[in-house]
Protein backbone atom coordinates (compact mmCIF):
# COMPACT_ATOMS: atom_id res chain seq x y z
CA MET A 1 14.31 -1.90 -20.94
CA ILE A 2 10.71 -0.93 -20.15
CA LYS A 3 10.00 2.78 -20.55
CA ARG A 4 7.72 3.72 -17.68
CA ALA A 5 5.03 6.40 -17.80
CA LEU A 6 6.12 7.95 -14.46
CA ASN A 7 9.50 9.44 -13.65
CA VAL A 8 9.66 7.90 -10.17
CA THR A 9 9.20 4.32 -9.01
CA ARG A 10 7.63 2.87 -5.87
CA GLU A 11 10.93 1.33 -4.86
CA ALA A 12 12.91 4.55 -5.25
CA ASP A 13 10.54 6.87 -3.34
CA PHE A 14 7.08 5.59 -2.43
CA ALA A 15 5.83 8.95 -1.16
CA ALA A 16 6.96 10.79 -4.30
CA TRP A 17 5.51 8.01 -6.46
CA TYR A 18 2.15 8.38 -4.71
CA GLN A 19 2.04 12.11 -5.42
CA ALA A 20 3.16 11.54 -9.01
CA VAL A 21 0.30 9.10 -9.58
CA ILE A 22 -2.24 11.66 -8.37
CA THR A 23 -0.74 14.40 -10.56
CA GLU A 24 -0.21 12.36 -13.73
CA ALA A 25 -3.64 10.70 -13.46
CA ASP A 26 -5.30 14.12 -13.17
CA MET A 27 -6.98 13.04 -9.94
CA ALA A 28 -6.51 16.10 -7.72
CA GLU A 29 -4.46 19.24 -7.25
CA GLU A 30 -3.67 21.83 -4.61
CA SER A 31 -6.41 24.40 -4.02
CA GLY A 32 -4.56 27.36 -2.55
CA VAL A 33 -5.72 26.49 0.98
CA ARG A 34 -3.32 24.29 2.95
CA GLY A 35 -4.70 20.79 3.31
CA CYS A 36 -7.59 21.30 0.88
CA MET A 37 -7.63 19.85 -2.62
CA VAL A 38 -9.47 20.25 -5.89
CA ILE A 39 -10.70 16.80 -6.88
CA ARG A 40 -10.55 16.63 -10.67
CA PRO A 41 -13.10 14.73 -12.80
CA TRP A 42 -11.26 11.39 -12.90
CA GLY A 43 -10.68 11.38 -9.14
CA TYR A 44 -14.21 12.57 -8.45
CA GLY A 45 -15.57 10.02 -10.90
CA ILE A 46 -14.01 7.28 -8.79
CA TRP A 47 -15.60 8.83 -5.69
CA GLU A 48 -18.97 8.91 -7.45
CA ARG A 49 -18.65 5.20 -8.20
CA ILE A 50 -17.76 4.54 -4.55
CA GLN A 51 -20.76 6.61 -3.47
CA ARG A 52 -23.18 4.81 -5.75
CA LEU A 53 -22.07 1.28 -4.89
CA LEU A 54 -21.81 1.91 -1.17
CA ASP A 55 -25.01 3.94 -1.01
CA ASP A 56 -26.91 1.01 -2.51
CA ARG A 57 -25.52 -1.24 0.21
CA ILE A 58 -26.36 1.23 2.98
CA LYS A 59 -29.94 1.61 1.78
CA ALA A 60 -30.29 -2.17 1.42
CA THR A 61 -29.72 -2.44 5.18
CA GLY A 62 -32.67 -0.14 5.90
CA HIS A 63 -30.97 3.25 6.26
CA GLU A 64 -32.23 6.51 4.78
CA ASN A 65 -30.16 9.46 3.60
CA CYS A 66 -30.55 12.93 5.09
CA TYR A 67 -28.47 16.06 5.57
CA PHE A 68 -27.38 18.08 8.61
CA PRO A 69 -25.79 21.55 8.85
CA LEU A 70 -22.11 22.23 8.25
CA PHE A 71 -22.03 24.53 11.31
CA ILE A 72 -22.52 23.09 14.79
CA PRO A 73 -22.91 25.20 17.97
CA LEU A 74 -19.88 24.85 20.23
CA SER A 75 -22.20 24.10 23.16
CA TYR A 76 -23.22 20.83 21.49
CA PHE A 77 -19.64 19.60 21.79
CA GLU A 78 -19.23 20.85 25.34
CA LYS A 79 -21.95 18.46 26.50
CA GLU A 80 -19.66 15.47 25.92
CA ALA A 81 -16.21 16.06 27.43
CA GLU A 82 -14.33 13.13 25.90
CA HIS A 83 -15.63 13.94 22.43
CA VAL A 84 -14.66 17.60 22.55
CA ASP A 85 -11.23 16.69 23.95
CA GLY A 86 -10.72 14.24 21.10
CA PHE A 87 -11.43 16.82 18.40
CA ALA A 88 -10.49 20.11 20.08
CA LYS A 89 -7.13 20.47 18.33
CA GLU A 90 -8.68 19.79 14.91
CA MET A 91 -11.70 22.09 15.07
CA ALA A 92 -12.16 25.00 12.72
CA VAL A 93 -14.28 27.65 14.47
CA VAL A 94 -16.42 30.48 13.06
CA THR A 95 -16.59 33.49 15.40
CA HIS A 96 -17.84 36.36 13.17
CA HIS A 97 -20.52 36.68 10.51
CA ARG A 98 -19.29 39.74 8.61
CA LEU A 99 -16.12 41.40 7.28
CA ILE A 100 -15.27 45.08 6.96
CA GLN A 101 -12.57 47.09 5.21
CA LYS A 102 -9.86 48.43 7.51
CA ASP A 103 -6.58 49.92 6.36
CA GLY A 104 -7.10 48.43 2.92
CA ARG A 105 -7.73 44.92 4.22
CA LEU A 106 -10.76 42.77 4.95
CA VAL A 107 -10.99 41.95 8.66
CA PRO A 108 -13.72 40.54 10.93
CA ASP A 109 -16.19 43.20 12.02
CA PRO A 110 -15.94 43.50 15.84
CA ASP A 111 -19.67 44.26 15.89
CA ALA A 112 -20.43 41.03 14.03
CA LYS A 113 -19.13 38.60 16.64
CA LEU A 114 -21.39 35.57 17.04
CA GLU A 115 -23.09 35.07 20.39
CA GLU A 116 -21.91 31.48 20.28
CA PRO A 117 -18.99 30.19 18.16
CA LEU A 118 -19.85 27.65 15.48
CA VAL A 119 -17.67 24.63 14.79
CA VAL A 120 -17.23 23.61 11.16
CA ARG A 121 -18.41 19.98 11.15
CA PRO A 122 -15.59 17.56 12.12
CA THR A 123 -18.20 14.78 12.56
CA SER A 124 -21.91 14.94 13.33
CA GLU A 125 -22.64 12.90 16.45
CA THR A 126 -23.54 15.99 18.46
CA VAL A 127 -25.84 17.75 15.99
CA ILE A 128 -27.52 14.51 14.94
CA GLY A 129 -27.90 13.52 18.58
CA ALA A 130 -29.74 16.78 19.23
CA ALA A 131 -32.10 16.00 16.34
CA MET A 132 -32.67 12.44 17.55
CA ALA A 133 -33.62 13.81 20.96
CA ARG A 134 -36.44 15.68 19.21
CA TRP A 135 -37.47 12.72 17.08
CA VAL A 136 -37.46 9.94 19.68
CA GLN A 137 -40.11 9.86 22.39
CA SER A 138 -41.29 6.25 22.48
CA TRP A 139 -39.85 2.81 21.80
CA ARG A 140 -42.09 2.88 18.72
CA ASP A 141 -39.85 5.62 17.26
CA LEU A 142 -36.87 3.26 17.27
CA PRO A 143 -34.68 2.32 15.59
CA VAL A 144 -33.59 5.52 13.85
CA LEU A 145 -31.38 4.56 10.88
CA ILE A 146 -29.89 7.48 8.95
CA ASN A 147 -26.88 8.30 6.81
CA GLN A 148 -25.49 11.44 5.20
CA TRP A 149 -22.98 12.10 2.45
CA ALA A 150 -21.12 15.28 3.35
CA ASN A 151 -17.82 17.08 3.77
CA VAL A 152 -16.05 17.53 7.09
CA VAL A 153 -13.14 19.64 8.32
CA ARG A 154 -10.38 18.51 10.65
CA TRP A 155 -7.46 20.90 10.85
CA GLU A 156 -4.65 18.44 10.12
CA MET A 157 -1.08 19.62 10.63
CA ARG A 158 0.51 17.14 8.20
CA THR A 159 -1.55 16.68 5.08
CA ARG A 160 -1.38 14.34 2.10
CA MET A 161 -3.90 14.24 -0.75
CA PHE A 162 -6.78 11.83 -0.16
CA LEU A 163 -5.09 10.29 2.89
CA ARG A 164 -5.14 13.16 5.35
CA THR A 165 -6.66 16.47 4.30
CA ALA A 166 -8.15 19.36 6.25
CA GLU A 167 -11.40 18.96 4.32
CA PHE A 168 -12.54 15.60 3.00
CA LEU A 169 -15.66 13.92 1.69
CA TRP A 170 -17.33 11.00 3.43
CA GLN A 171 -20.50 9.30 4.48
CA GLU A 172 -21.45 9.05 8.14
CA GLY A 173 -24.15 6.78 9.42
CA HIS A 174 -25.89 7.41 12.75
CA THR A 175 -28.41 5.14 14.43
CA ALA A 176 -30.37 4.92 17.68
CA HIS A 177 -31.71 1.70 19.20
CA ALA A 178 -33.74 0.49 22.13
CA THR A 179 -31.25 -2.12 23.36
CA VAL A 180 -27.52 -2.73 23.65
CA ASP A 181 -27.82 -5.93 21.62
CA GLU A 182 -29.52 -4.11 18.73
CA ALA A 183 -26.89 -1.36 18.70
CA ARG A 184 -24.01 -3.81 18.83
CA GLU A 185 -25.59 -5.84 16.03
CA GLU A 186 -25.84 -2.64 13.96
CA THR A 187 -22.17 -1.82 14.62
CA MET A 188 -21.03 -5.21 13.39
CA LYS A 189 -23.46 -5.23 10.46
CA MET A 190 -22.02 -2.00 9.08
CA LEU A 191 -18.46 -3.16 9.67
CA GLU A 192 -19.29 -6.17 7.48
CA VAL A 193 -20.84 -3.87 4.85
CA TYR A 194 -17.53 -1.99 4.72
CA ARG A 195 -15.46 -5.18 4.62
CA GLU A 196 -17.50 -6.67 1.78
CA PHE A 197 -17.49 -3.37 -0.13
CA ALA A 198 -13.71 -2.97 0.13
CA GLU A 199 -13.09 -6.55 -0.99
CA THR A 200 -15.73 -6.73 -3.73
CA CYS A 201 -15.72 -3.20 -5.21
CA LEU A 202 -12.27 -1.81 -4.42
CA ALA A 203 -10.53 -5.19 -4.84
CA MET A 204 -8.85 -4.22 -1.56
CA PRO A 205 -8.36 -7.03 0.96
CA VAL A 206 -8.80 -5.85 4.55
CA VAL A 207 -8.61 -7.15 8.09
CA ALA A 208 -11.69 -6.38 10.18
CA GLY A 209 -11.35 -6.13 13.93
CA GLU A 210 -11.75 -4.12 17.12
CA LYS A 211 -9.55 -1.16 17.93
CA PRO A 212 -7.76 -1.09 21.29
CA GLU A 213 -8.83 1.41 23.94
CA ASN A 214 -6.28 4.06 22.92
CA GLU A 215 -7.50 4.03 19.28
CA ARG A 216 -11.23 4.33 20.00
CA PHE A 217 -13.31 7.13 18.54
CA PRO A 218 -13.70 9.84 21.20
CA GLY A 219 -16.76 8.93 23.27
CA ALA A 220 -17.17 5.40 21.87
CA VAL A 221 -17.60 2.29 23.98
CA ALA A 222 -16.05 0.20 21.19
CA THR A 223 -14.56 1.02 17.78
CA TYR A 224 -14.10 -1.46 14.93
CA SER A 225 -12.13 -0.93 11.74
CA ILE A 226 -11.13 -2.41 8.43
CA GLU A 227 -7.37 -2.18 7.88
CA ALA A 228 -5.75 -2.41 4.44
CA MET A 229 -2.09 -3.03 3.64
CA MET A 230 -0.43 -0.66 1.21
CA GLN A 231 2.38 -1.78 -1.10
CA ASP A 232 4.96 -0.21 1.20
CA GLY A 233 3.73 -2.44 4.04
CA LYS A 234 2.03 0.35 5.97
CA ALA A 235 -1.53 0.07 7.24
CA LEU A 236 -4.40 2.29 6.21
CA GLN A 237 -7.56 2.51 8.31
CA ALA A 238 -10.12 2.32 5.52
CA GLY A 239 -13.36 2.51 7.51
CA THR A 240 -14.69 2.49 11.09
CA SER A 241 -17.84 1.49 12.93
CA HIS A 242 -18.50 2.63 16.49
CA PHE A 243 -20.73 1.36 19.27
CA LEU A 244 -21.40 4.54 21.26
CA GLY A 245 -23.62 3.09 23.99
CA THR A 246 -25.35 5.91 25.87
CA THR A 247 -22.43 8.37 25.70
CA PHE A 248 -24.13 10.73 23.27
CA SER A 249 -27.72 9.90 24.16
CA SER A 250 -26.94 10.93 27.73
CA ALA A 251 -25.24 14.16 26.62
CA GLN A 252 -27.90 15.07 24.05
CA GLY A 253 -30.94 13.72 25.89
CA ILE A 254 -32.00 10.94 23.47
CA LYS A 255 -34.58 9.29 25.73
CA PHE A 256 -37.59 7.10 25.06
CA GLN A 257 -40.39 5.50 27.01
CA ASN A 258 -40.08 1.73 26.75
CA ALA A 259 -42.99 -0.73 26.39
CA GLU A 260 -43.34 -0.82 30.19
CA GLY A 261 -43.61 2.96 30.41
CA VAL A 262 -40.10 3.47 31.85
CA GLN A 263 -37.77 6.18 30.53
CA GLU A 264 -34.52 4.87 29.02
CA LEU A 265 -31.55 6.28 27.14
CA ALA A 266 -31.19 5.14 23.55
CA GLN A 267 -28.15 3.11 22.48
CA THR A 268 -26.42 4.75 19.51
CA THR A 269 -23.88 3.94 16.79
CA SER A 270 -21.96 5.79 14.12
CA TRP A 271 -19.87 4.59 11.18
CA GLY A 272 -18.14 6.07 8.16
CA VAL A 273 -15.72 5.87 5.24
CA SER A 274 -14.16 8.73 3.30
CA THR A 275 -12.19 9.79 0.23
CA ARG A 276 -9.26 8.21 2.08
CA MET A 277 -10.41 5.03 0.32
CA ILE A 278 -9.18 6.52 -2.97
CA GLY A 279 -5.72 6.92 -1.46
CA GLY A 280 -5.92 3.27 -0.49
CA VAL A 281 -6.85 2.24 -4.04
CA ILE A 282 -3.81 4.13 -5.37
CA MET A 283 -1.37 2.52 -2.94
CA VAL A 284 -2.82 -0.99 -3.16
CA HIS A 285 -3.17 -1.25 -6.94
CA GLY A 286 -0.92 1.38 -8.54
CA ASP A 287 2.27 0.46 -10.40
CA ASP A 288 5.24 2.33 -11.83
CA ASP A 289 3.13 3.54 -14.76
CA GLY A 290 0.46 5.12 -12.59
CA LEU A 291 -2.94 4.15 -11.25
CA ARG A 292 -4.78 0.89 -11.89
CA VAL A 293 -8.48 1.26 -11.17
CA PRO A 294 -10.58 -1.82 -10.39
CA PRO A 295 -13.31 -2.07 -13.06
CA ARG A 296 -16.17 -1.82 -10.54
CA ILE A 297 -15.15 1.71 -9.53
CA ALA A 298 -13.65 2.92 -12.83
CA PRO A 299 -15.62 5.88 -14.24
CA TRP A 300 -14.82 4.42 -17.69
CA GLN A 301 -14.03 0.73 -17.84
CA ILE A 302 -13.07 0.66 -21.53
CA VAL A 303 -11.60 3.64 -23.40
CA ILE A 304 -11.60 3.56 -27.21
CA VAL A 305 -8.82 5.55 -28.89
CA PRO A 306 -9.14 5.92 -32.69
CA MET A 307 -5.78 6.47 -34.39
CA LEU A 308 -6.82 9.41 -36.54
CA ARG A 309 -4.58 10.45 -39.43
CA ASP A 310 -6.26 13.64 -40.72
CA ASN A 311 -7.34 11.96 -43.94
CA ASP A 312 -10.50 10.74 -45.66
CA GLU A 313 -10.42 7.54 -43.63
CA ASP A 314 -11.03 9.34 -40.29
CA ALA A 315 -14.84 9.61 -40.61
CA ALA A 316 -15.17 5.91 -41.32
CA LEU A 317 -12.84 5.08 -38.43
CA ILE A 318 -14.88 7.22 -36.02
CA ASP A 319 -18.07 5.52 -37.17
CA TYR A 320 -16.42 2.13 -36.63
CA CYS A 321 -15.45 3.15 -33.07
CA LYS A 322 -18.92 4.54 -32.36
CA ALA A 323 -20.44 1.22 -33.38
CA LEU A 324 -18.02 -0.54 -31.02
CA GLN A 325 -19.00 1.81 -28.20
CA ALA A 326 -22.70 1.19 -28.86
CA ASP A 327 -22.19 -2.59 -28.87
CA LEU A 328 -20.32 -2.43 -25.56
CA ALA A 329 -23.07 -0.30 -23.99
CA LYS A 330 -25.52 -3.14 -24.72
CA THR A 331 -23.44 -5.61 -22.70
CA SER A 332 -23.22 -5.99 -18.92
CA ALA A 333 -20.27 -6.73 -16.66
CA LEU A 334 -20.06 -6.96 -12.90
CA GLY A 335 -23.82 -6.40 -12.66
CA GLU A 336 -24.01 -3.16 -14.68
CA PRO A 337 -23.88 -1.98 -18.29
CA VAL A 338 -20.31 -1.63 -19.54
CA ARG A 339 -19.04 1.96 -19.33
CA ALA A 340 -17.15 2.70 -22.56
CA LEU A 341 -15.74 6.09 -23.61
CA LEU A 342 -14.80 7.12 -27.14
CA ASP A 343 -11.87 9.54 -26.79
CA LEU A 344 -12.05 12.03 -29.67
CA LYS A 345 -9.87 14.71 -28.10
CA ALA A 346 -7.51 16.51 -30.43
CA ALA A 347 -4.30 14.82 -29.35
CA LYS A 348 -1.98 12.17 -30.73
CA ALA A 349 -3.16 8.60 -30.20
CA ALA A 350 0.01 7.72 -28.27
CA THR A 351 -0.46 10.70 -25.97
CA LYS A 352 -4.04 9.66 -25.25
CA ARG A 353 -3.00 6.03 -24.74
CA TRP A 354 -0.43 6.89 -22.09
CA GLY A 355 -2.79 9.37 -20.50
CA TRP A 356 -5.33 6.59 -19.96
CA VAL A 357 -2.60 4.22 -18.79
CA LYS A 358 -1.63 6.72 -16.09
CA LYS A 359 -5.28 7.20 -15.12
CA GLY A 360 -5.62 3.44 -14.78
CA ALA A 361 -8.55 2.78 -17.13
CA PRO A 362 -8.92 -1.03 -16.98
CA VAL A 363 -8.90 -1.52 -20.78
CA VAL A 364 -7.67 0.76 -23.56
CA ILE A 365 -8.71 -0.04 -27.13
CA GLU A 366 -6.69 1.39 -30.00
CA VAL A 367 -8.25 1.27 -33.46
CA GLY A 368 -6.35 2.15 -36.61
CA GLY A 369 -7.13 1.84 -40.30
CA ARG A 370 -5.64 -1.64 -40.49
CA ASP A 371 -7.73 -2.77 -37.51
CA MET A 372 -10.88 -1.40 -39.14
CA ALA A 373 -10.10 -3.08 -42.45
CA GLY A 374 -9.74 -6.42 -40.71
CA GLY A 375 -12.73 -5.98 -38.40
CA ASN A 376 -10.41 -5.95 -35.39
CA VAL A 377 -9.38 -3.89 -32.36
CA SER A 378 -6.07 -3.67 -30.49
CA VAL A 379 -6.56 -4.37 -26.78
CA ILE A 380 -4.33 -3.10 -23.97
CA ARG A 381 -5.05 -4.46 -20.48
CA ARG A 382 -4.00 -2.08 -17.71
CA ASP A 383 -3.38 -4.96 -15.31
CA ARG A 384 -0.92 -6.61 -17.74
CA LEU A 385 0.75 -3.78 -19.61
CA TYR A 386 3.96 -5.36 -20.91
CA ARG A 387 5.10 -8.55 -22.60
CA GLU A 388 8.08 -10.53 -21.33
CA ASP A 389 10.34 -8.70 -23.78
CA GLY A 390 9.37 -5.37 -22.19
CA LYS A 391 7.26 -4.15 -25.08
CA LEU A 392 3.70 -2.93 -24.71
CA ASP A 393 1.27 -5.85 -24.75
CA SER A 394 -1.31 -4.93 -27.38
CA ALA A 395 -3.38 -7.89 -28.60
CA VAL A 396 -5.27 -7.78 -31.88
CA VAL A 397 -8.77 -9.24 -31.41
CA ALA A 398 -11.77 -9.50 -33.71
CA LYS A 399 -14.23 -6.74 -32.79
CA GLY A 400 -17.13 -9.12 -32.26
CA ASP A 401 -15.02 -11.45 -30.12
CA PHE A 402 -13.90 -8.53 -27.97
CA VAL A 403 -17.45 -7.35 -27.37
CA ALA A 404 -18.57 -10.90 -26.54
CA GLY A 405 -15.71 -11.33 -24.08
CA ALA A 406 -15.70 -7.83 -22.56
CA ALA A 407 -17.69 -8.82 -19.46
CA ALA A 408 -15.43 -11.78 -18.70
CA LEU A 409 -12.34 -9.62 -19.28
CA LEU A 410 -13.46 -6.94 -16.81
CA GLU A 411 -14.40 -9.57 -14.24
CA GLU A 412 -11.00 -11.21 -14.69
CA ILE A 413 -9.20 -7.89 -14.15
CA GLN A 414 -11.27 -7.15 -11.02
CA ALA A 415 -10.57 -10.60 -9.57
CA GLY A 416 -6.89 -10.47 -10.52
CA LEU A 417 -6.27 -7.16 -8.74
CA HIS A 418 -7.91 -8.55 -5.60
CA ALA A 419 -5.94 -11.79 -5.80
CA ASP A 420 -2.61 -9.94 -6.15
CA ALA A 421 -3.37 -7.66 -3.21
CA SER A 422 -4.58 -10.58 -1.08
CA ALA A 423 -1.39 -12.53 -1.73
CA ARG A 424 0.66 -9.48 -0.75
CA LEU A 425 -1.34 -9.02 2.47
CA ASP A 426 -1.03 -12.67 3.47
CA ALA A 427 2.68 -12.76 2.72
CA ASN A 428 3.45 -9.70 4.81
CA ILE A 429 1.73 -10.45 8.13
CA VAL A 430 4.32 -11.97 10.43
CA ARG A 431 3.22 -14.20 13.30
CA GLY A 432 5.16 -16.02 15.98
CA VAL A 433 6.92 -12.95 17.43
CA GLU A 434 6.98 -13.73 21.15
CA SER A 435 8.79 -10.83 22.82
CA PHE A 436 9.03 -7.06 22.60
CA ASP A 437 12.72 -7.34 21.70
CA ALA A 438 11.81 -9.63 18.80
CA LEU A 439 9.12 -7.17 17.70
CA LYS A 440 11.61 -4.33 17.79
CA ALA A 441 14.22 -6.37 15.92
CA HIS A 442 11.73 -7.22 13.16
CA PHE A 443 10.90 -3.61 12.41
CA GLU A 444 14.52 -2.52 12.67
CA SER A 445 15.88 -5.24 10.39
CA SER A 446 13.20 -5.79 7.76
CA GLY A 447 14.16 -2.95 5.45
CA LYS A 448 11.80 -0.31 4.07
CA TYR A 449 8.73 -2.54 3.93
CA PRO A 450 8.46 -4.63 7.14
CA GLY A 451 4.75 -5.33 6.81
CA TRP A 452 2.60 -6.06 9.86
CA VAL A 453 3.17 -8.19 12.93
CA GLU A 454 0.40 -10.03 14.77
CA VAL A 455 1.29 -10.50 18.43
CA GLN A 456 -0.42 -11.80 21.52
CA TRP A 457 -1.28 -9.36 24.26
CA SER A 458 -3.07 -9.14 27.59
CA LYS A 459 -5.30 -6.19 26.66
CA PRO A 460 -3.78 -3.75 29.16
CA GLU A 461 -5.82 -0.76 30.24
CA GLY A 462 -5.30 2.69 31.75
CA ALA A 463 -1.77 3.62 32.75
CA GLU A 464 -0.41 0.21 31.77
CA LEU A 465 -1.76 0.66 28.23
CA ASP A 466 -0.36 4.20 28.09
CA ALA A 467 3.09 2.83 28.89
CA VAL A 468 2.79 0.17 26.18
CA VAL A 469 1.66 2.73 23.63
CA GLU A 470 4.67 4.92 24.41
CA ARG A 471 6.98 1.96 23.81
CA ILE A 472 5.61 1.26 20.35
CA LYS A 473 5.39 4.96 19.49
CA ALA A 474 9.13 5.14 20.05
CA LEU A 475 9.43 2.62 17.20
CA LYS A 476 6.98 4.65 15.05
CA LEU A 477 4.45 1.84 15.35
CA THR A 478 0.75 1.78 16.09
CA PHE A 479 -1.82 -0.78 17.15
CA ARG A 480 -4.20 -1.44 14.27
CA ASN A 481 -6.92 -3.81 15.46
CA VAL A 482 -7.70 -7.14 17.09
CA PRO A 483 -8.65 -9.27 14.07
CA LEU A 484 -12.04 -10.92 14.17
CA GLY A 485 -11.60 -14.67 13.99
CA ALA A 486 -7.89 -14.60 14.90
CA ALA A 487 -6.30 -17.81 16.13
CA PRO A 488 -6.71 -18.63 19.85
CA VAL A 489 -4.00 -17.32 22.17
CA ASP A 490 -1.49 -19.75 23.55
CA GLY A 491 1.15 -17.75 25.35
CA ALA A 492 2.20 -14.57 27.11
CA CYS A 493 1.67 -10.93 26.16
CA VAL A 494 4.75 -9.56 24.39
CA PHE A 495 4.33 -6.25 26.24
CA THR A 496 3.41 -7.17 29.82
CA GLY A 497 4.45 -10.81 30.15
CA ARG A 498 1.05 -11.69 31.56
CA PRO A 499 -1.17 -14.36 29.95
CA ALA A 500 -2.45 -13.18 26.58
CA VAL A 501 -6.21 -12.81 25.99
CA GLU A 502 -6.23 -11.93 22.28
CA ARG A 503 -4.05 -11.13 19.26
CA ILE A 504 -3.45 -7.64 17.88
CA LEU A 505 -1.85 -6.23 14.74
CA VAL A 506 1.10 -3.84 15.03
CA ALA A 507 2.27 -1.79 12.06
CA ARG A 508 3.48 1.49 10.73
CA ALA A 509 0.50 3.37 9.40
CA TYR A 510 -0.82 6.35 7.44
């Protein structure tokens, strides 16, 4: 029987397994403030890789990075009613600027009350809109293409590390354009950047599409998302791109004089992804031994563990491993130099091996005296950890052959993780459900992991949509998105009975 590195399996308790992966992989821990986490070096290293790879893509599309304040005047939000309504319950608000001692406790100084409350940034459309209003005067000032990497605060009631936290890290892009067509093109361009990034770098297959009216970002004309399927069949919104039209330019006064000398409102967009993507990586690729990190985003792609014995051979073994590390650093894989770590911590080799297995390092190399004598290394692939007999799969390979094949190995692991996740996604989207009763029956009878259902619908609006949403909420379901490029409709809406106009995904979600 295989001895697993974790004490809980996905099948037994997926939620507990998810938390165990984070803990055992040293990714994050509680901070002492509800809903806020300390991201430890391995978890933050993954985020740094995400930042670097995505930032390159954002800049390649012509955007520049900047930074805006953490504190936003409440009056900025009050200018756009739908936006403030959408975030009102999640806002953290600063009302005083000083504390005093009173009865042995620190309390806000009544004389230090702010003239205007400040909202701790939940998103930056309002403050960036105010800046754009200063920057844009003429059509020649457009487009404005900016992005910022920052933290935001949304006071979540139910929190889960990486997936839903009161404070999280993200990037948010904001743009202003002269025409509707340009702004819509920008919205779709950045959605495609996210889709390609998720597929290529995270090895996470996603479905890109438009959100229904009830799932739009507050104040948006249209919201698009990439949706990923977790191993428990639930959906995770992994990124969004919003066409905002003139909602915020009207509220914030982003106006420009066009080429004919006529004043117009700018058309704006916003788009973002967050540390939620790390939660997605865990739940898409993890197994019962912990995390499996795709090589493109692994802080260390190859970890070298010398099997030190506290004898005269140790110095030679360390030198042998250092030479291996140096040789790997001279090679390239997936478009970058190979990232190899020599683990010389004072711990038993087996302890270090299983530590790196739980962290999900793509390849772990163990080197003992016998390996060194034969000019070999022992290779453990994190994507294929066990042999058919249940024993650890550790292959002895000549050191030179391993170095020569390292790039191909990492590329194979990256592609294999994506292929496995893609097969799972394709196998767990059910089509052909033609009535609400059939939809209900599917989710009630498909066990713990019912996957997603793609149904036809008539795109109801207003009160009719509200009624439909209440029906699926009763089943603990949500609308995910209308997939781009979905098959043509050929029947009736499963919710209203009227002729369908498009197809939409229904699922349980995080």
